[in-house]
């Protein structure tokens, strides 16, 4: 599995209520998105950075989404270009589902 950390510096800080409004406006685009297993929206404590933590089936699935239109939409919504970091996620601790898992 691939985990990505996406973040961008906001032109002006936003509060949690504004972040929630913006996040909810884009969340439907990620429902049933091919290859996406989970997404968590994030906002820094000072409201200057926002982004998401994504869990993908593969890097190819992530790259298919992060190309072209997605980058333009994110930049328009938040006023900043995203920075994307890719990580392999070989082991997961799942306290909600119970247990430790290796691999996909």
C-alpha atoms as a PDB file:
ATOM      1  CA  UNK A   1       0.000   0.000   0.000  1.00  0.00           C
ATOM      2  CA  UNK A   2       1.011   3.587  -0.554  1.00  0.00           C
ATOM      3  CA  UNK A   3       0.434   6.410   1.894  1.00  0.00           C
ATOM      4  CA  UNK A   4       0.639   9.975   0.677  1.00  0.00           C
ATOM      5  CA  UNK A   5       0.911  13.142   2.656  1.00  0.00           C
ATOM      6  CA  UNK A   6      -0.414  16.148   0.772  1.00  0.00           C
ATOM      7  CA  UNK A   7      -0.003  19.618   2.203  1.00  0.00           C
ATOM      8  CA  UNK A   8      -0.121  23.189   1.048  1.00  0.00           C
ATOM      9  CA  UNK A   9       0.527  26.556   2.620  1.00  0.00           C
ATOM     10  CA  UNK A  10      -2.631  28.624   2.690  1.00  0.00           C
ATOM     11  CA  UNK A  11      -2.453  32.266   1.539  1.00  0.00           C
ATOM     12  CA  UNK A  12      -4.268  33.262   4.747  1.00  0.00           C
ATOM     13  CA  UNK A  13      -4.856  31.157   7.872  1.00  0.00           C
ATOM     14  CA  UNK A  14      -8.291  29.557   8.195  1.00  0.00           C
ATOM     15  CA  UNK A  15     -10.131  28.347  11.284  1.00  0.00           C
ATOM     16  CA  UNK A  16     -11.517  24.873  11.866  1.00  0.00           C
ATOM     17  CA  UNK A  17     -15.050  25.827  10.793  1.00  0.00           C
ATOM     18  CA  UNK A  18     -13.811  27.165   7.443  1.00  0.00           C
ATOM     19  CA  UNK A  19     -11.591  24.116   6.967  1.00  0.00           C
ATOM     20  CA  UNK A  20     -14.536  21.815   7.610  1.00  0.00           C
ATOM     21  CA  UNK A  21     -16.652  23.735   5.089  1.00  0.00           C
ATOM     22  CA  UNK A  22     -13.984  23.453   2.407  1.00  0.00           C
ATOM     23  CA  UNK A  23     -13.191  19.823   3.196  1.00  0.00           C
ATOM     24  CA  UNK A  24     -16.859  18.821   3.061  1.00  0.00           C
ATOM     25  CA  UNK A  25     -17.216  20.552  -0.301  1.00  0.00           C
ATOM     26  CA  UNK A  26     -14.506  18.371  -1.828  1.00  0.00           C
ATOM     27  CA  UNK A  27     -15.088  15.113   0.074  1.00  0.00           C
ATOM     28  CA  UNK A  28     -17.744  13.705  -2.328  1.00  0.00           C
ATOM     29  CA  UNK A  29     -15.133  13.675  -5.120  1.00  0.00           C
ATOM     30  CA  UNK A  30     -13.188  11.024  -3.176  1.00  0.00           C
ATOM     31  CA  UNK A  31     -16.064   8.619  -2.493  1.00  0.00           C
ATOM     32  CA  UNK A  32     -15.569   5.420  -4.516  1.00  0.00           C
ATOM     33  CA  UNK A  33     -12.442   6.886  -6.145  1.00  0.00           C
ATOM     34  CA  UNK A  34     -10.571   3.987  -7.778  1.00  0.00           C
ATOM     35  CA  UNK A  35      -7.615   2.871  -5.684  1.00  0.00           C
ATOM     36  CA  UNK A  36      -8.310   5.150  -2.692  1.00  0.00           C
ATOM     37  CA  UNK A  37      -8.805   3.231   0.548  1.00  0.00           C
ATOM     38  CA  UNK A  38      -9.017   6.125   3.003  1.00  0.00           C
ATOM     39  CA  UNK A  39      -8.474   9.864   3.249  1.00  0.00           C
ATOM     40  CA  UNK A  40      -8.065  12.050   6.318  1.00  0.00           C
ATOM     41  CA  UNK A  41      -8.249  15.823   5.859  1.00  0.00           C
ATOM     42  CA  UNK A  42      -5.834  17.781   8.050  1.00  0.00           C
ATOM     43  CA  UNK A  43      -5.383  21.372   9.232  1.00  0.00           C
ATOM     44  CA  UNK A  44      -2.382  22.645  11.197  1.00  0.00           C
ATOM     45  CA  UNK A  45      -2.963  24.132  14.642  1.00  0.00           C
ATOM     46  CA  UNK A  46      -2.202  27.629  13.377  1.00  0.00           C
ATOM     47  CA  UNK A  47      -4.494  27.279  10.333  1.00  0.00           C
ATOM     48  CA  UNK A  48      -1.667  28.034   7.897  1.00  0.00           C
ATOM     49  CA  UNK A  49      -1.360  24.554   6.362  1.00  0.00           C
ATOM     50  CA  UNK A  50      -4.012  22.138   5.160  1.00  0.00           C
ATOM     51  CA  UNK A  51      -3.953  18.876   3.287  1.00  0.00           C
ATOM     52  CA  UNK A  52      -4.678  15.213   3.564  1.00  0.00           C
ATOM     53  CA  UNK A  53      -3.295  11.820   4.448  1.00  0.00           C
ATOM     54  CA  UNK A  54      -4.324   9.229   1.866  1.00  0.00           C
ATOM     55  CA  UNK A  55      -4.030   5.452   1.827  1.00  0.00           C
ATOM     56  CA  UNK A  56      -3.889   4.011  -1.694  1.00  0.00           C
ATOM     57  CA  UNK A  57      -3.899   0.501  -3.135  1.00  0.00           C
ATOM     58  CA  UNK A  58      -0.915   1.449  -5.325  1.00  0.00           C
ATOM     59  CA  UNK A  59       1.303   4.313  -6.362  1.00  0.00           C
ATOM     60  CA  UNK A  60      -0.166   4.128  -9.867  1.00  0.00           C
ATOM     61  CA  UNK A  61      -3.659   4.773  -8.460  1.00  0.00           C
ATOM     62  CA  UNK A  62      -2.378   7.774  -6.490  1.00  0.00           C
ATOM     63  CA  UNK A  63      -0.473   9.238  -9.425  1.00  0.00           C
ATOM     64  CA  UNK A  64      -3.502   8.847 -11.697  1.00  0.00           C
ATOM     65  CA  UNK A  65      -5.478  11.126  -9.363  1.00  0.00           C
ATOM     66  CA  UNK A  66      -2.703  13.607  -8.581  1.00  0.00           C
ATOM     67  CA  UNK A  67      -2.044  14.468 -12.195  1.00  0.00           C
ATOM     68  CA  UNK A  68      -3.593  17.351 -14.133  1.00  0.00           C
ATOM     69  CA  UNK A  69      -7.100  18.358 -13.098  1.00  0.00           C
ATOM     70  CA  UNK A  70      -6.731  17.424  -9.422  1.00  0.00           C
ATOM     71  CA  UNK A  71      -3.788  19.790  -8.903  1.00  0.00           C
ATOM     72  CA  UNK A  72      -5.659  22.644 -10.593  1.00  0.00           C
ATOM     73  CA  UNK A  73      -8.804  22.033  -8.504  1.00  0.00           C
ATOM     74  CA  UNK A  74      -6.852  21.909  -5.221  1.00  0.00           C
ATOM     75  CA  UNK A  75      -4.923  25.074  -6.089  1.00  0.00           C
ATOM     76  CA  UNK A  76      -8.181  26.877  -6.934  1.00  0.00           C
ATOM     77  CA  UNK A  77      -9.954  25.731  -3.752  1.00  0.00           C
ATOM     78  CA  UNK A  78      -7.111  26.508  -1.334  1.00  0.00           C
ATOM     79  CA  UNK A  79      -5.068  29.135  -3.181  1.00  0.00           C
ATOM     80  CA  UNK A  80      -1.850  27.113  -3.112  1.00  0.00           C
ATOM     81  CA  UNK A  81      -0.143  24.359  -5.059  1.00  0.00           C
ATOM     82  CA  UNK A  82       0.044  21.045  -3.185  1.00  0.00           C
ATOM     83  CA  UNK A  83       3.225  19.302  -2.050  1.00  0.00           C
ATOM     84  CA  UNK A  84       2.889  15.490  -2.292  1.00  0.00           C
ATOM     85  CA  UNK A  85       5.081  13.019  -0.414  1.00  0.00           C
ATOM     86  CA  UNK A  86       4.858   9.274  -1.157  1.00  0.00           C
ATOM     87  CA  UNK A  87       5.553   6.539   1.401  1.00  0.00           C
ATOM     88  CA  UNK A  88       5.399   2.756   1.330  1.00  0.00           C
ATOM     89  CA  UNK A  89       3.145   1.467   4.115  1.00  0.00           C
ATOM     90  CA  UNK A  90       4.242  -2.132   4.753  1.00  0.00           C
ATOM     91  CA  UNK A  91       2.730  -2.542   8.259  1.00  0.00           C
ATOM     92  CA  UNK A  92      -0.450  -1.142   9.800  1.00  0.00           C
ATOM     93  CA  UNK A  93      -1.591  -1.077  13.426  1.00  0.00           C
ATOM     94  CA  UNK A  94      -5.399  -0.902  13.453  1.00  0.00           C
ATOM     95  CA  UNK A  95      -6.749  -0.242  16.935  1.00  0.00           C
ATOM     96  CA  UNK A  96     -10.309   0.218  15.648  1.00  0.00           C
ATOM     97  CA  UNK A  97     -10.443  -2.917  13.510  1.00  0.00           C
ATOM     98  CA  UNK A  98      -8.161  -4.820  15.823  1.00  0.00           C
ATOM     99  CA  UNK A  99      -4.727  -6.092  15.078  1.00  0.00           C
ATOM    100  CA  UNK A 100      -1.574  -5.611  13.122  1.00  0.00           C
ATOM    101  CA  UNK A 101      -1.347  -6.243   9.389  1.00  0.00           C
ATOM    102  CA  UNK A 102       1.524  -6.581   6.968  1.00  0.00           C
ATOM    103  CA  UNK A 103       1.315  -5.938   3.245  1.00  0.00           C
ATOM    104  CA  UNK A 104      -1.856  -5.269   1.276  1.00  0.00           C
END
